[in-house]
Each structure stands twice: as structure tokens, then as C-alpha cells.
C-alpha atoms as a PDB file:
ATOM      1  CA  UNK A   1     105.678 138.682 219.105  1.00  0.00           C
ATOM      2  CA  UNK A   2     107.843 139.365 222.135  1.00  0.00           C
ATOM      3  CA  UNK A   3     108.708 136.586 224.581  1.00  0.00           C
ATOM      4  CA  UNK A   4     106.779 138.176 227.465  1.00  0.00           C
ATOM      5  CA  UNK A   5     103.729 139.047 225.358  1.00  0.00           C
ATOM      6  CA  UNK A   6     103.710 135.426 224.168  1.00  0.00           C
ATOM      7  CA  UNK A   7     103.751 134.186 227.780  1.00  0.00           C
ATOM      8  CA  UNK A   8     100.911 136.537 228.704  1.00  0.00           C
ATOM      9  CA  UNK A   9      98.912 135.311 225.716  1.00  0.00           C
ATOM     10  CA  UNK A  10      99.502 131.657 226.633  1.00  0.00           C
ATOM     11  CA  UNK A  11      98.204 132.450 230.140  1.00  0.00           C
ATOM     12  CA  UNK A  12      95.102 134.122 228.688  1.00  0.00           C
ATOM     13  CA  UNK A  13      96.064 137.524 230.070  1.00  0.00           C
ATOM     14  CA  UNK A  14      95.304 140.762 228.274  1.00  0.00           C
ATOM     15  CA  UNK A  15      96.897 143.761 229.927  1.00  0.00           C
ATOM     16  CA  UNK A  16      94.616 146.656 230.852  1.00  0.00           C
ATOM     17  CA  UNK A  17      95.344 150.272 230.098  1.00  0.00           C
ATOM     18  CA  UNK A  18      97.396 151.742 232.914  1.00  0.00           C
ATOM     19  CA  UNK A  19      95.453 153.637 235.539  1.00  0.00           C
ATOM     20  CA  UNK A  20      96.562 157.229 236.047  1.00  0.00           C
ATOM     21  CA  UNK A  21      97.525 158.299 239.572  1.00  0.00           C
ATOM     22  CA  UNK A  22      94.603 159.383 241.757  1.00  0.00           C
ATOM     23  CA  UNK A  23      96.559 161.901 243.849  1.00  0.00           C
ATOM     24  CA  UNK A  24      99.798 163.916 243.834  1.00  0.00           C
ATOM     25  CA  UNK A  25     102.254 161.205 242.735  1.00  0.00           C
ATOM     26  CA  UNK A  26     103.460 159.519 239.544  1.00  0.00           C
ATOM     27  CA  UNK A  27     102.990 155.942 238.359  1.00  0.00           C
ATOM     28  CA  UNK A  28     106.710 155.240 238.378  1.00  0.00           C
ATOM     29  CA  UNK A  29     110.089 156.826 238.954  1.00  0.00           C
ATOM     30  CA  UNK A  30     113.377 155.833 237.365  1.00  0.00           C
ATOM     31  CA  UNK A  31     116.980 156.207 238.449  1.00  0.00           C
ATOM     32  CA  UNK A  32     119.380 154.654 235.966  1.00  0.00           C
ATOM     33  CA  UNK A  33     117.966 151.238 235.121  1.00  0.00           C
ATOM     34  CA  UNK A  34     115.992 150.868 238.372  1.00  0.00           C
ATOM     35  CA  UNK A  35     112.274 151.686 238.276  1.00  0.00           C
ATOM     36  CA  UNK A  36     109.963 151.989 241.286  1.00  0.00           C
ATOM     37  CA  UNK A  37     106.340 151.262 240.368  1.00  0.00           C
ATOM     38  CA  UNK A  38     103.647 152.831 242.553  1.00  0.00           C
ATOM     39  CA  UNK A  39     101.201 150.535 244.308  1.00  0.00           C
ATOM     40  CA  UNK A  40      98.620 148.860 242.102  1.00  0.00           C
ATOM     41  CA  UNK A  41      95.236 147.919 243.521  1.00  0.00           C
ATOM     42  CA  UNK A  42      93.130 144.797 242.979  1.00  0.00           C
ATOM     43  CA  UNK A  43      91.054 146.499 240.333  1.00  0.00           C
ATOM     44  CA  UNK A  44      89.878 145.573 236.838  1.00  0.00           C
ATOM     45  CA  UNK A  45      87.407 146.852 234.261  1.00  0.00           C
ATOM     46  CA  UNK A  46      84.435 145.439 236.200  1.00  0.00           C
ATOM     47  CA  UNK A  47      85.451 147.033 239.487  1.00  0.00           C
ATOM     48  CA  UNK A  48      87.863 144.615 241.101  1.00  0.00           C
ATOM     49  CA  UNK A  49      88.011 142.936 244.477  1.00  0.00           C
ATOM     50  CA  UNK A  50      87.203 145.059 247.480  1.00  0.00           C
ATOM     51  CA  UNK A  51      86.782 144.256 251.135  1.00  0.00           C
ATOM     52  CA  UNK A  52      88.642 142.827 254.071  1.00  0.00           C
ATOM     53  CA  UNK A  53      90.282 139.448 253.525  1.00  0.00           C
ATOM     54  CA  UNK A  54      89.144 137.050 256.224  1.00  0.00           C
ATOM     55  CA  UNK A  55      85.891 138.970 256.729  1.00  0.00           C
ATOM     56  CA  UNK A  56      84.147 140.087 253.483  1.00  0.00           C
ATOM     57  CA  UNK A  57      86.620 138.236 251.237  1.00  0.00           C
ATOM     58  CA  UNK A  58      87.838 134.660 251.397  1.00  0.00           C
ATOM     59  CA  UNK A  59      91.458 133.562 251.150  1.00  0.00           C
ATOM     60  CA  UNK A  60      90.729 132.507 247.547  1.00  0.00           C
ATOM     61  CA  UNK A  61      89.353 135.997 246.801  1.00  0.00           C
ATOM     62  CA  UNK A  62      92.505 137.501 248.295  1.00  0.00           C
ATOM     63  CA  UNK A  63      94.730 135.366 246.068  1.00  0.00           C
ATOM     64  CA  UNK A  64      92.747 136.447 242.995  1.00  0.00           C
ATOM     65  CA  UNK A  65      92.994 140.072 244.174  1.00  0.00           C
ATOM     66  CA  UNK A  66      96.786 139.784 244.416  1.00  0.00           C
ATOM     67  CA  UNK A  67      96.870 138.289 240.917  1.00  0.00           C
ATOM     68  CA  UNK A  68      94.913 141.311 239.651  1.00  0.00           C
ATOM     69  CA  UNK A  69      97.583 143.519 241.245  1.00  0.00           C
ATOM     70  CA  UNK A  70     100.234 141.555 239.316  1.00  0.00           C
ATOM     71  CA  UNK A  71      98.403 142.140 236.032  1.00  0.00           C
ATOM     72  CA  UNK A  72      98.164 145.863 236.781  1.00  0.00           C
ATOM     73  CA  UNK A  73     101.852 145.937 237.743  1.00  0.00           C
ATOM     74  CA  UNK A  74     102.827 144.263 234.472  1.00  0.00           C
ATOM     75  CA  UNK A  75     100.846 146.917 232.584  1.00  0.00           C
ATOM     76  CA  UNK A  76     102.847 149.556 234.485  1.00  0.00           C
ATOM     77  CA  UNK A  77     106.100 147.669 233.725  1.00  0.00           C
ATOM     78  CA  UNK A  78     105.191 147.882 230.039  1.00  0.00           C
ATOM     79  CA  UNK A  79     104.591 151.633 230.267  1.00  0.00           C
ATOM     80  CA  UNK A  80     107.882 152.135 232.140  1.00  0.00           C
ATOM     81  CA  UNK A  81     109.719 150.078 229.491  1.00  0.00           C
ATOM     82  CA  UNK A  82     108.320 152.184 226.624  1.00  0.00           C
ATOM     83  CA  UNK A  83     105.975 149.400 225.541  1.00  0.00           C
ATOM     84  CA  UNK A  84     108.566 146.580 225.423  1.00  0.00           C
ATOM     85  CA  UNK A  85     108.160 144.073 228.251  1.00  0.00           C
ATOM     86  CA  UNK A  86     111.236 142.189 227.037  1.00  0.00           C
ATOM     87  CA  UNK A  87     113.246 145.130 228.416  1.00  0.00           C
ATOM     88  CA  UNK A  88     112.299 144.092 231.972  1.00  0.00           C
ATOM     89  CA  UNK A  89     115.614 142.555 233.036  1.00  0.00           C
ATOM     90  CA  UNK A  90     114.582 141.672 236.574  1.00  0.00           C
ATOM     91  CA  UNK A  91     111.770 142.050 239.066  1.00  0.00           C
ATOM     92  CA  UNK A  92     113.752 143.007 242.155  1.00  0.00           C
ATOM     93  CA  UNK A  93     111.087 143.420 244.825  1.00  0.00           C
ATOM     94  CA  UNK A  94     107.357 143.315 245.478  1.00  0.00           C
ATOM     95  CA  UNK A  95     105.758 145.039 248.451  1.00  0.00           C
ATOM     96  CA  UNK A  96     102.343 143.606 249.222  1.00  0.00           C
ATOM     97  CA  UNK A  97      99.622 145.034 251.446  1.00  0.00           C
ATOM     98  CA  UNK A  98      96.542 143.010 252.280  1.00  0.00           C
ATOM     99  CA  UNK A  99      93.522 144.596 253.930  1.00  0.00           C
ATOM    100  CA  UNK A 100      93.220 141.864 256.529  1.00  0.00           C
ATOM    101  CA  UNK A 101      90.679 140.999 259.188  1.00  0.00           C
ATOM    102  CA  UNK A 102      91.776 140.911 262.812  1.00  0.00           C
ATOM    103  CA  UNK A 103      92.050 137.105 262.837  1.00  0.00           C
ATOM    104  CA  UNK A 104      93.466 136.643 259.314  1.00  0.00           C
ATOM    105  CA  UNK A 105      97.090 135.542 259.211  1.00  0.00           C
ATOM    106  CA  UNK A 106      97.569 134.055 255.712  1.00  0.00           C
ATOM    107  CA  UNK A 107      99.025 137.271 254.301  1.00  0.00           C
ATOM    108  CA  UNK A 108     101.938 135.474 252.545  1.00  0.00           C
ATOM    109  CA  UNK A 109      99.511 133.038 250.897  1.00  0.00           C
ATOM    110  CA  UNK A 110      97.481 135.948 249.520  1.00  0.00           C
ATOM    111  CA  UNK A 111     100.656 137.543 248.142  1.00  0.00           C
ATOM    112  CA  UNK A 112     101.534 134.307 246.364  1.00  0.00           C
ATOM    113  CA  UNK A 113      98.765 135.213 243.913  1.00  0.00           C
ATOM    114  CA  UNK A 114     100.958 138.099 242.757  1.00  0.00           C
ATOM    115  CA  UNK A 115     104.352 136.443 243.132  1.00  0.00           C
ATOM    116  CA  UNK A 116     103.335 133.285 241.283  1.00  0.00           C
ATOM    117  CA  UNK A 117     102.047 135.206 238.272  1.00  0.00           C
ATOM    118  CA  UNK A 118     105.151 137.418 238.112  1.00  0.00           C
ATOM    119  CA  UNK A 119     107.364 134.305 238.049  1.00  0.00           C
ATOM    120  CA  UNK A 120     105.071 132.570 235.531  1.00  0.00           C
ATOM    121  CA  UNK A 121     105.368 135.559 233.187  1.00  0.00           C
ATOM    122  CA  UNK A 122     109.021 136.560 233.655  1.00  0.00           C
ATOM    123  CA  UNK A 123     110.581 133.196 234.558  1.00  0.00           C
ATOM    124  CA  UNK A 124     113.897 133.364 236.403  1.00  0.00           C
ATOM    125  CA  UNK A 125     113.965 137.172 235.990  1.00  0.00           C
ATOM    126  CA  UNK A 126     110.679 137.322 237.888  1.00  0.00           C
ATOM    127  CA  UNK A 127     112.066 135.803 241.098  1.00  0.00           C
ATOM    128  CA  UNK A 128     112.021 138.651 243.590  1.00  0.00           C
ATOM    129  CA  UNK A 129     112.449 139.762 247.174  1.00  0.00           C
ATOM    130  CA  UNK A 130     109.120 140.461 248.864  1.00  0.00           C
ATOM    131  CA  UNK A 131     107.265 141.924 251.796  1.00  0.00           C
ATOM    132  CA  UNK A 132     103.764 140.757 252.709  1.00  0.00           C
ATOM    133  CA  UNK A 133     102.025 143.011 255.212  1.00  0.00           C
ATOM    134  CA  UNK A 134      98.524 142.956 256.670  1.00  0.00           C
ATOM    135  CA  UNK A 135      96.998 146.416 257.024  1.00  0.00           C
ATOM    136  CA  UNK A 136      93.864 147.915 258.517  1.00  0.00           C
ATOM    137  CA  UNK A 137      92.660 149.779 255.404  1.00  0.00           C
ATOM    138  CA  UNK A 138      93.636 150.289 251.765  1.00  0.00           C
ATOM    139  CA  UNK A 139      92.553 153.011 249.320  1.00  0.00           C
ATOM    140  CA  UNK A 140      88.957 152.793 248.128  1.00  0.00           C
ATOM    141  CA  UNK A 141      88.461 149.600 250.193  1.00  0.00           C
ATOM    142  CA  UNK A 142      90.398 147.409 247.720  1.00  0.00           C
ATOM    143  CA  UNK A 143      91.504 144.089 249.192  1.00  0.00           C
ATOM    144  CA  UNK A 144      95.153 144.148 248.039  1.00  0.00           C
ATOM    145  CA  UNK A 145      97.783 146.644 246.873  1.00  0.00           C
ATOM    146  CA  UNK A 146     101.241 145.758 245.563  1.00  0.00           C
ATOM    147  CA  UNK A 147     104.168 147.966 244.533  1.00  0.00           C
ATOM    148  CA  UNK A 148     107.326 146.869 242.733  1.00  0.00           C
ATOM    149  CA  UNK A 149     110.926 147.638 241.968  1.00  0.00           C
ATOM    150  CA  UNK A 150     112.225 146.440 238.602  1.00  0.00           C
ATOM    151  CA  UNK A 151     115.344 146.715 236.499  1.00  0.00           C
ATOM    152  CA  UNK A 152     114.994 147.711 232.852  1.00  0.00           C
ATOM    153  CA  UNK A 153     117.580 147.125 230.128  1.00  0.00           C
ATOM    154  CA  UNK A 154     118.746 150.235 228.333  1.00  0.00           C
END
């Protein structure tokens, strides 16, 4: 069993099938060893977490939503690495977007739900640069969306 799959298993995480793009774009692009992963929403098999953080969703819901984004990103990392998560050499950057209420300012705390899981799974290679941005609306009313840039070996 690979090192990363073992970490996921120890955390009780089973990766979902990757979601196909819903418009005219691709799930990832690659130039050399650098891969840009398209934004992943706070979705899961039972629907996911939708709504505006600070209004319909609590801070705790937002953190869970960002964690769901991390799980969906890792599934996309696996697809981009031809099924071998041990080929992910480094998570370079995460870009996080939180559908935030007008008086909600804990955007970085929400994004920690994603960042913390990425570091838990990938260790030192998971430490990344990051943006955390509050936005008015996200696709399909999901609470959080996160994109990523990674480096893949080989």
C-alpha cells in the first residue's frame, strides 16, 4: 500500500470518483511537472455543503466544507498522477473561495479545513502557499471551492 493511501486510510478517508467538468474546461492541465487542478466544490455523494457561511452555514460547517474540497482535490491529484498519489512531490498552492455572508470575516479559518487535511495527508510536501477569499456566490450555491497547483514526479 502506498504511503499516501495508508495515510488516507488511517484518517478514515475514502476518495470519491472524480467529478467531470460541468462546463467548457478540463479537470487539470499540466506543463512539465506542474499541474493546475480546477476548483473543487464542497460536494460529496450525499450532496455536500451548500449555502452562505455566516448566514445559512456556521463556521464549523464552512471548515467541514473546505475539508470536503480537500478530499475532492486529492482525488483529482490521484487522477493527474495516473493513480499514484506517491508521485505528488509537492502541493505548491491552494486558492480558496468561501461564499461568505456580508459580516463573515473568518475566511482563513474556513480554509484551514482544507489546508490542515492536505498537510495531514502529504506531510512536509503538503505545506503550501495559499489564498483565502470571500466571495458573493459560488457555483450551484456550494459553500466553498478550492483549486490547487501541485508538482508531480516523473
